[in-house]
PDB file of all heavy atoms in Angstrom:
ATOM      1  N   ALA A   1       0.819  -1.189   0.032  1.00  0.00           N
ATOM      2  CA  ALA A   1       0.011   0.082   0.010  1.00  0.00           C
ATOM      3  C   ALA A   1       0.892   1.189   0.075  1.00  0.00           C
ATOM      4  O   ALA A   1       0.417   2.314  -0.404  1.00  0.00           O
ATOM      5  CB  ALA A   1      -0.896  -0.125   1.282  1.00  0.00           C
ATOM      6  N   ARG A   2       2.097   1.173   0.452  1.00  0.00           N
ATOM      7  CA  ARG A   2       2.971   2.251   0.488  1.00  0.00           C
ATOM      8  C   ARG A   2       3.675   2.447  -0.844  1.00  0.00           C
ATOM      9  O   ARG A   2       4.359   3.522  -1.008  1.00  0.00           O
ATOM     10  CB  ARG A   2       4.090   2.053   1.652  1.00  0.00           C
ATOM     11  CG  ARG A   2       3.463   2.088   3.029  1.00  0.00           C
ATOM     12  CD  ARG A   2       4.562   2.256   4.030  1.00  0.00           C
ATOM     13  NE  ARG A   2       4.112   2.483   5.351  1.00  0.00           N
ATOM     14  CZ  ARG A   2       3.768   3.726   5.802  1.00  0.00           C
ATOM     15  NH1 ARG A   2       3.843   4.758   5.092  1.00  0.00           N
ATOM     16  NH2 ARG A   2       3.383   3.791   7.110  1.00  0.00           N
ATOM     17  N   PHE A   3       3.524   1.528  -1.789  1.00  0.00           N
ATOM     18  CA  PHE A   3       4.320   1.722  -2.994  1.00  0.00           C
ATOM     19  C   PHE A   3       3.770   2.731  -3.851  1.00  0.00           C
ATOM     20  O   PHE A   3       4.413   3.327  -4.706  1.00  0.00           O
ATOM     21  CB  PHE A   3       4.223   0.371  -3.818  1.00  0.00           C
ATOM     22  CG  PHE A   3       5.235  -0.741  -3.324  1.00  0.00           C
ATOM     23  CD1 PHE A   3       5.473  -0.847  -1.944  1.00  0.00           C
ATOM     24  CD2 PHE A   3       5.849  -1.613  -4.222  1.00  0.00           C
ATOM     25  CE1 PHE A   3       6.292  -1.872  -1.465  1.00  0.00           C
ATOM     26  CE2 PHE A   3       6.667  -2.640  -3.726  1.00  0.00           C
ATOM     27  CZ  PHE A   3       6.978  -2.731  -2.329  1.00  0.00           C
ATOM     28  N   GLY A   4       2.513   2.997  -3.853  1.00  0.00           N
ATOM     29  CA  GLY A   4       1.903   3.988  -4.578  1.00  0.00           C
ATOM     30  C   GLY A   4       1.590   3.464  -6.101  1.00  0.00           C
ATOM     31  O   GLY A   4       2.003   2.205  -6.381  1.00  0.00           O
ATOM     32  N   PRO A   5       1.019   4.290  -6.965  1.00  0.00           N
ATOM     33  CA  PRO A   5       0.670   3.761  -8.244  1.00  0.00           C
ATOM     34  C   PRO A   5       1.979   3.629  -9.236  1.00  0.00           C
ATOM     35  O   PRO A   5       2.888   4.428  -9.044  1.00  0.00           O
ATOM     36  CB  PRO A   5      -0.214   4.827  -8.837  1.00  0.00           C
ATOM     37  CG  PRO A   5       0.104   6.119  -8.104  1.00  0.00           C
ATOM     38  CD  PRO A   5       0.670   5.676  -6.670  1.00  0.00           C
ATOM     39  N   ASN A   6       1.894   2.592 -10.001  1.00  0.00           N
ATOM     40  CA  ASN A   6       2.862   2.349 -11.003  1.00  0.00           C
ATOM     41  C   ASN A   6       4.274   2.488 -10.523  1.00  0.00           C
ATOM     42  O   ASN A   6       5.187   3.133 -11.003  1.00  0.00           O
ATOM     43  CB  ASN A   6       2.711   3.436 -12.187  1.00  0.00           C
ATOM     44  CG  ASN A   6       3.436   3.008 -13.452  1.00  0.00           C
ATOM     45  OD1 ASN A   6       3.618   1.815 -13.735  1.00  0.00           O
ATOM     46  ND2 ASN A   6       3.887   4.038 -14.163  1.00  0.00           N
ATOM     47  N   PRO A   7       4.622   1.690  -9.482  1.00  0.00           N
ATOM     48  CA  PRO A   7       5.909   1.816  -8.848  1.00  0.00           C
ATOM     49  C   PRO A   7       7.020   1.115  -9.704  1.00  0.00           C
ATOM     50  O   PRO A   7       6.721   0.252 -10.459  1.00  0.00           O
ATOM     51  CB  PRO A   7       5.752   1.050  -7.510  1.00  0.00           C
ATOM     52  CG  PRO A   7       4.667  -0.002  -7.861  1.00  0.00           C
ATOM     53  CD  PRO A   7       3.788   0.728  -8.671  1.00  0.00           C
ATOM     54  N   LEU A   8       8.257   1.523  -9.632  1.00  0.00           N
ATOM     55  CA  LEU A   8       9.399   0.915 -10.086  1.00  0.00           C
ATOM     56  C   LEU A   8      10.089   0.148  -8.871  1.00  0.00           C
ATOM     57  O   LEU A   8      10.479   0.814  -8.013  1.00  0.00           O
ATOM     58  CB  LEU A   8      10.387   1.828 -10.651  1.00  0.00           C
ATOM     59  CG  LEU A   8      11.803   1.384 -11.080  1.00  0.00           C
ATOM     60  CD1 LEU A   8      11.629   0.205 -12.060  1.00  0.00           C
ATOM     61  CD2 LEU A   8      12.707   2.475 -11.535  1.00  0.00           C
ATOM     62  N   VAL A   9      10.003  -1.113  -8.942  1.00  0.00           N
ATOM     63  CA  VAL A   9      10.513  -1.988  -7.826  1.00  0.00           C
ATOM     64  C   VAL A   9      11.895  -2.407  -8.165  1.00  0.00           C
ATOM     65  O   VAL A   9      12.048  -3.104  -9.284  1.00  0.00           O
ATOM     66  CB  VAL A   9       9.577  -3.264  -7.606  1.00  0.00           C
ATOM     67  CG1 VAL A   9      10.250  -4.031  -6.373  1.00  0.00           C
ATOM     68  CG2 VAL A   9       8.198  -2.722  -7.214  1.00  0.00           C
ATOM     69  N   ILE A  10      12.876  -2.103  -7.468  1.00  0.00           N
ATOM     70  CA  ILE A  10      14.272  -2.329  -7.750  1.00  0.00           C
ATOM     71  C   ILE A  10      14.784  -3.346  -6.659  1.00  0.00           C
ATOM     72  O   ILE A  10      14.833  -3.082  -5.535  1.00  0.00           O
ATOM     73  CB  ILE A  10      15.114  -1.117  -7.678  1.00  0.00           C
ATOM     74  CG1 ILE A  10      14.592   0.119  -8.584  1.00  0.00           C
ATOM     75  CG2 ILE A  10      16.579  -1.328  -7.940  1.00  0.00           C
ATOM     76  CD1 ILE A  10      15.046   1.456  -8.225  1.00  0.00           C
ATOM     77  N   GLU A  11      15.162  -4.539  -7.188  1.00  0.00           N
ATOM     78  CA  GLU A  11      15.707  -5.546  -6.269  1.00  0.00           C
ATOM     79  C   GLU A  11      17.105  -5.762  -6.406  1.00  0.00           C
ATOM     80  O   GLU A  11      17.729  -5.896  -7.560  1.00  0.00           O
ATOM     81  CB  GLU A  11      14.939  -6.892  -6.477  1.00  0.00           C
ATOM     82  CG  GLU A  11      15.457  -7.920  -5.388  1.00  0.00           C
ATOM     83  CD  GLU A  11      14.690  -9.253  -5.462  1.00  0.00           C
ATOM     84  OE1 GLU A  11      14.056  -9.530  -6.547  1.00  0.00           O
ATOM     85  OE2 GLU A  11      14.652  -9.923  -4.457  1.00  0.00           O
ATOM     86  N   PHE A  12      17.866  -5.709  -5.353  1.00  0.00           N
ATOM     87  CA  PHE A  12      19.413  -6.024  -5.340  1.00  0.00           C
ATOM     88  C   PHE A  12      19.531  -7.444  -5.368  1.00  0.00           C
ATOM     89  O   PHE A  12      19.117  -8.125  -4.314  1.00  0.00           O
ATOM     90  CB  PHE A  12      19.982  -5.303  -4.204  1.00  0.00           C
ATOM     91  CG  PHE A  12      19.851  -3.788  -4.163  1.00  0.00           C
ATOM     92  CD1 PHE A  12      18.879  -3.259  -3.322  1.00  0.00           C
ATOM     93  CD2 PHE A  12      20.612  -2.988  -4.953  1.00  0.00           C
ATOM     94  CE1 PHE A  12      18.821  -1.863  -3.447  1.00  0.00           C
ATOM     95  CE2 PHE A  12      20.513  -1.652  -5.083  1.00  0.00           C
ATOM     96  CZ  PHE A  12      19.640  -1.003  -4.165  1.00  0.00           C
ATOM     97  N   GLY A  13      20.109  -8.048  -6.358  1.00  0.00           N
ATOM     98  CA  GLY A  13      20.211  -9.485  -6.518  1.00  0.00           C
ATOM     99  C   GLY A  13      19.123  -9.928  -7.489  1.00  0.00           C
ATOM    100  O   GLY A  13      18.187  -9.296  -7.830  1.00  0.00           O
ATOM    101  N   SER A  14      19.371 -11.174  -8.037  1.00  0.00           N
ATOM    102  CA  SER A  14      18.503 -11.714  -8.980  1.00  0.00           C
ATOM    103  C   SER A  14      17.179 -12.097  -8.379  1.00  0.00           C
ATOM    104  O   SER A  14      17.154 -12.817  -7.326  1.00  0.00           O
ATOM    105  CB  SER A  14      19.104 -12.897  -9.736  1.00  0.00           C
ATOM    106  OG  SER A  14      20.194 -12.459 -10.524  1.00  0.00           O
ATOM    107  N   GLY A  15      16.068 -11.607  -8.914  1.00  0.00           N
ATOM    108  CA  GLY A  15      14.836 -11.732  -8.192  1.00  0.00           C
ATOM    109  C   GLY A  15      13.755 -12.658  -8.531  1.00  0.00           C
ATOM    110  O   GLY A  15      12.582 -12.340  -8.622  1.00  0.00           O
ATOM    111  N   ALA A  16      14.075 -13.882  -8.900  1.00  0.00           N
ATOM    112  CA  ALA A  16      13.035 -14.888  -9.209  1.00  0.00           C
ATOM    113  C   ALA A  16      12.625 -15.609  -7.828  1.00  0.00           C
ATOM    114  O   ALA A  16      11.976 -16.681  -7.975  1.00  0.00           O
ATOM    115  CB  ALA A  16      13.451 -15.927 -10.331  1.00  0.00           C
ATOM    116  N   SER A  17      12.931 -15.051  -6.795  1.00  0.00           N
ATOM    117  CA  SER A  17      12.742 -15.624  -5.475  1.00  0.00           C
ATOM    118  C   SER A  17      11.390 -15.620  -5.008  1.00  0.00           C
ATOM    119  O   SER A  17      10.504 -14.746  -5.602  1.00  0.00           O
ATOM    120  CB  SER A  17      13.726 -15.028  -4.404  1.00  0.00           C
ATOM    121  OG  SER A  17      13.324 -13.815  -4.123  1.00  0.00           O
ATOM    122  N   ARG A  18      10.990 -16.275  -4.010  1.00  0.00           N
ATOM    123  CA  ARG A  18       9.703 -16.248  -3.437  1.00  0.00           C
ATOM    124  C   ARG A  18       9.412 -14.937  -2.850  1.00  0.00           C
ATOM    125  O   ARG A  18       8.244 -14.591  -2.832  1.00  0.00           O
ATOM    126  CB  ARG A  18       9.607 -17.366  -2.307  1.00  0.00           C
ATOM    127  CG  ARG A  18       8.239 -17.598  -1.750  1.00  0.00           C
ATOM    128  CD  ARG A  18       8.291 -18.768  -0.822  1.00  0.00           C
ATOM    129  NE  ARG A  18       7.029 -18.855  -0.120  1.00  0.00           N
ATOM    130  CZ  ARG A  18       6.814 -19.685   0.846  1.00  0.00           C
ATOM    131  NH1 ARG A  18       7.800 -20.576   1.233  1.00  0.00           N
ATOM    132  NH2 ARG A  18       5.680 -19.774   1.595  1.00  0.00           N
ATOM    133  N   LYS A  19      10.375 -14.267  -2.344  1.00  0.00           N
ATOM    134  CA  LYS A  19      10.049 -12.923  -1.585  1.00  0.00           C
ATOM    135  C   LYS A  19       9.518 -11.877  -2.534  1.00  0.00           C
ATOM    136  O   LYS A  19       8.453 -11.301  -2.250  1.00  0.00           O
ATOM    137  CB  LYS A  19      11.345 -12.556  -0.879  1.00  0.00           C
ATOM    138  CG  LYS A  19      11.879 -13.415   0.165  1.00  0.00           C
ATOM    139  CD  LYS A  19      13.217 -13.043   0.719  1.00  0.00           C
ATOM    140  CE  LYS A  19      13.777 -14.092   1.678  1.00  0.00           C
ATOM    141  NZ  LYS A  19      15.201 -13.758   2.044  1.00  0.00           N
ATOM    142  N   ILE A  20      10.163 -11.632  -3.735  1.00  0.00           N
ATOM    143  CA  ILE A  20       9.690 -10.668  -4.587  1.00  0.00           C
ATOM    144  C   ILE A  20       8.336 -10.943  -5.184  1.00  0.00           C
ATOM    145  O   ILE A  20       7.442 -10.064  -5.360  1.00  0.00           O
ATOM    146  CB  ILE A  20      10.732 -10.317  -5.655  1.00  0.00           C
ATOM    147  CG1 ILE A  20      10.350  -9.076  -6.413  1.00  0.00           C
ATOM    148  CG2 ILE A  20      10.921 -11.503  -6.694  1.00  0.00           C
ATOM    149  CD1 ILE A  20      10.200  -7.791  -5.754  1.00  0.00           C
ATOM    150  N   ARG A  21       8.140 -12.310  -5.365  1.00  0.00           N
ATOM    151  CA  ARG A  21       6.831 -12.714  -5.831  1.00  0.00           C
ATOM    152  C   ARG A  21       5.643 -12.442  -4.842  1.00  0.00           C
ATOM    153  O   ARG A  21       4.509 -12.159  -5.354  1.00  0.00           O
ATOM    154  CB  ARG A  21       6.849 -14.254  -6.219  1.00  0.00           C
ATOM    155  CG  ARG A  21       7.790 -14.490  -7.421  1.00  0.00           C
ATOM    156  CD  ARG A  21       7.835 -15.991  -7.759  1.00  0.00           C
ATOM    157  NE  ARG A  21       8.795 -16.164  -8.933  1.00  0.00           N
ATOM    158  CZ  ARG A  21       8.516 -16.884  -9.965  1.00  0.00           C
ATOM    159  NH1 ARG A  21       7.316 -17.420 -10.078  1.00  0.00           N
ATOM    160  NH2 ARG A  21       9.392 -17.082 -10.851  1.00  0.00           N
ATOM    161  N   ILE A  22       5.928 -12.508  -3.576  1.00  0.00           N
ATOM    162  CA  ILE A  22       4.944 -12.115  -2.571  1.00  0.00           C
ATOM    163  C   ILE A  22       4.520 -10.733  -2.817  1.00  0.00           C
ATOM    164  O   ILE A  22       3.297 -10.421  -2.744  1.00  0.00           O
ATOM    165  CB  ILE A  22       5.420 -12.372  -1.136  1.00  0.00           C
ATOM    166  CG1 ILE A  22       5.795 -13.872  -0.924  1.00  0.00           C
ATOM    167  CG2 ILE A  22       4.458 -11.814  -0.137  1.00  0.00           C
ATOM    168  CD1 ILE A  22       6.619 -14.181   0.399  1.00  0.00           C
ATOM    169  N   LEU A  23       5.411  -9.811  -2.979  1.00  0.00           N
ATOM    170  CA  LEU A  23       5.070  -8.429  -3.156  1.00  0.00           C
ATOM    171  C   LEU A  23       4.311  -8.126  -4.495  1.00  0.00           C
ATOM    172  O   LEU A  23       3.482  -7.479  -4.616  1.00  0.00           O
ATOM    173  CB  LEU A  23       6.409  -7.538  -3.092  1.00  0.00           C
ATOM    174  CG  LEU A  23       7.169  -7.565  -1.722  1.00  0.00           C
ATOM    175  CD1 LEU A  23       8.437  -6.853  -1.878  1.00  0.00           C
ATOM    176  CD2 LEU A  23       6.277  -7.055  -0.658  1.00  0.00           C
ATOM    177  N   LEU A  24       4.946  -8.868  -5.551  1.00  0.00           N
ATOM    178  CA  LEU A  24       4.253  -8.631  -6.928  1.00  0.00           C
ATOM    179  C   LEU A  24       2.755  -9.127  -6.823  1.00  0.00           C
ATOM    180  O   LEU A  24       1.938  -8.618  -7.511  1.00  0.00           O
ATOM    181  CB  LEU A  24       5.049  -9.303  -7.952  1.00  0.00           C
ATOM    182  CG  LEU A  24       6.450  -8.712  -8.275  1.00  0.00           C
ATOM    183  CD1 LEU A  24       7.205  -9.615  -9.289  1.00  0.00           C
ATOM    184  CD2 LEU A  24       6.241  -7.312  -8.816  1.00  0.00           C
ATOM    185  N   ASP A  25       2.605 -10.338  -6.126  1.00  0.00           N
ATOM    186  CA  ASP A  25       1.171 -10.826  -6.092  1.00  0.00           C
ATOM    187  C   ASP A  25       0.385  -9.833  -5.253  1.00  0.00           C
ATOM    188  O   ASP A  25      -0.734  -9.652  -5.655  1.00  0.00           O
ATOM    189  CB  ASP A  25       1.271 -12.150  -5.336  1.00  0.00           C
ATOM    190  CG  ASP A  25       1.761 -13.298  -6.205  1.00  0.00           C
ATOM    191  OD1 ASP A  25       1.992 -13.134  -7.453  1.00  0.00           O
ATOM    192  OD2 ASP A  25       2.175 -14.336  -5.539  1.00  0.00           O
ATOM    193  N   ALA A  26       0.957  -9.156  -4.235  1.00  0.00           N
ATOM    194  CA  ALA A  26       0.212  -8.285  -3.382  1.00  0.00           C
ATOM    195  C   ALA A  26      -0.222  -6.995  -4.104  1.00  0.00           C
ATOM    196  O   ALA A  26      -1.217  -6.411  -3.865  1.00  0.00           O
ATOM    197  CB  ALA A  26       0.890  -7.959  -2.206  1.00  0.00           C
ATOM    198  N   LEU A  27       0.600  -6.764  -5.246  1.00  0.00           N
ATOM    199  CA  LEU A  27       0.303  -5.471  -6.015  1.00  0.00           C
ATOM    200  C   LEU A  27      -0.921  -5.821  -6.895  1.00  0.00           C
ATOM    201  O   LEU A  27      -1.526  -4.846  -7.377  1.00  0.00           O
ATOM    202  CB  LEU A  27       1.598  -5.273  -6.951  1.00  0.00           C
ATOM    203  CG  LEU A  27       2.684  -4.461  -6.242  1.00  0.00           C
ATOM    204  CD1 LEU A  27       3.912  -4.477  -7.048  1.00  0.00           C
ATOM    205  CD2 LEU A  27       2.222  -3.045  -5.868  1.00  0.00           C
ATOM    206  N   GLY A  28      -1.297  -7.074  -7.079  1.00  0.00           N
ATOM    207  CA  GLY A  28      -2.594  -7.356  -7.522  1.00  0.00           C
ATOM    208  C   GLY A  28      -2.813  -6.992  -9.067  1.00  0.00           C
ATOM    209  O   GLY A  28      -3.814  -6.540  -9.450  1.00  0.00           O
ATOM    210  N   GLY A  29      -1.762  -7.008  -9.926  1.00  0.00           N
ATOM    211  CA  GLY A  29      -1.874  -6.711 -11.222  1.00  0.00           C
ATOM    212  C   GLY A  29      -1.901  -5.290 -11.575  1.00  0.00           C
ATOM    213  O   GLY A  29      -2.116  -4.930 -12.757  1.00  0.00           O
TER     214      GLY A  29
END
């Protein structure tokens, strides 16, 4: 909810992990 609209999410490290997917799923499309 803090990301705001149309965020640019920058992950340090390669991000096919479960953690980034939790956030992307929560962004709800």
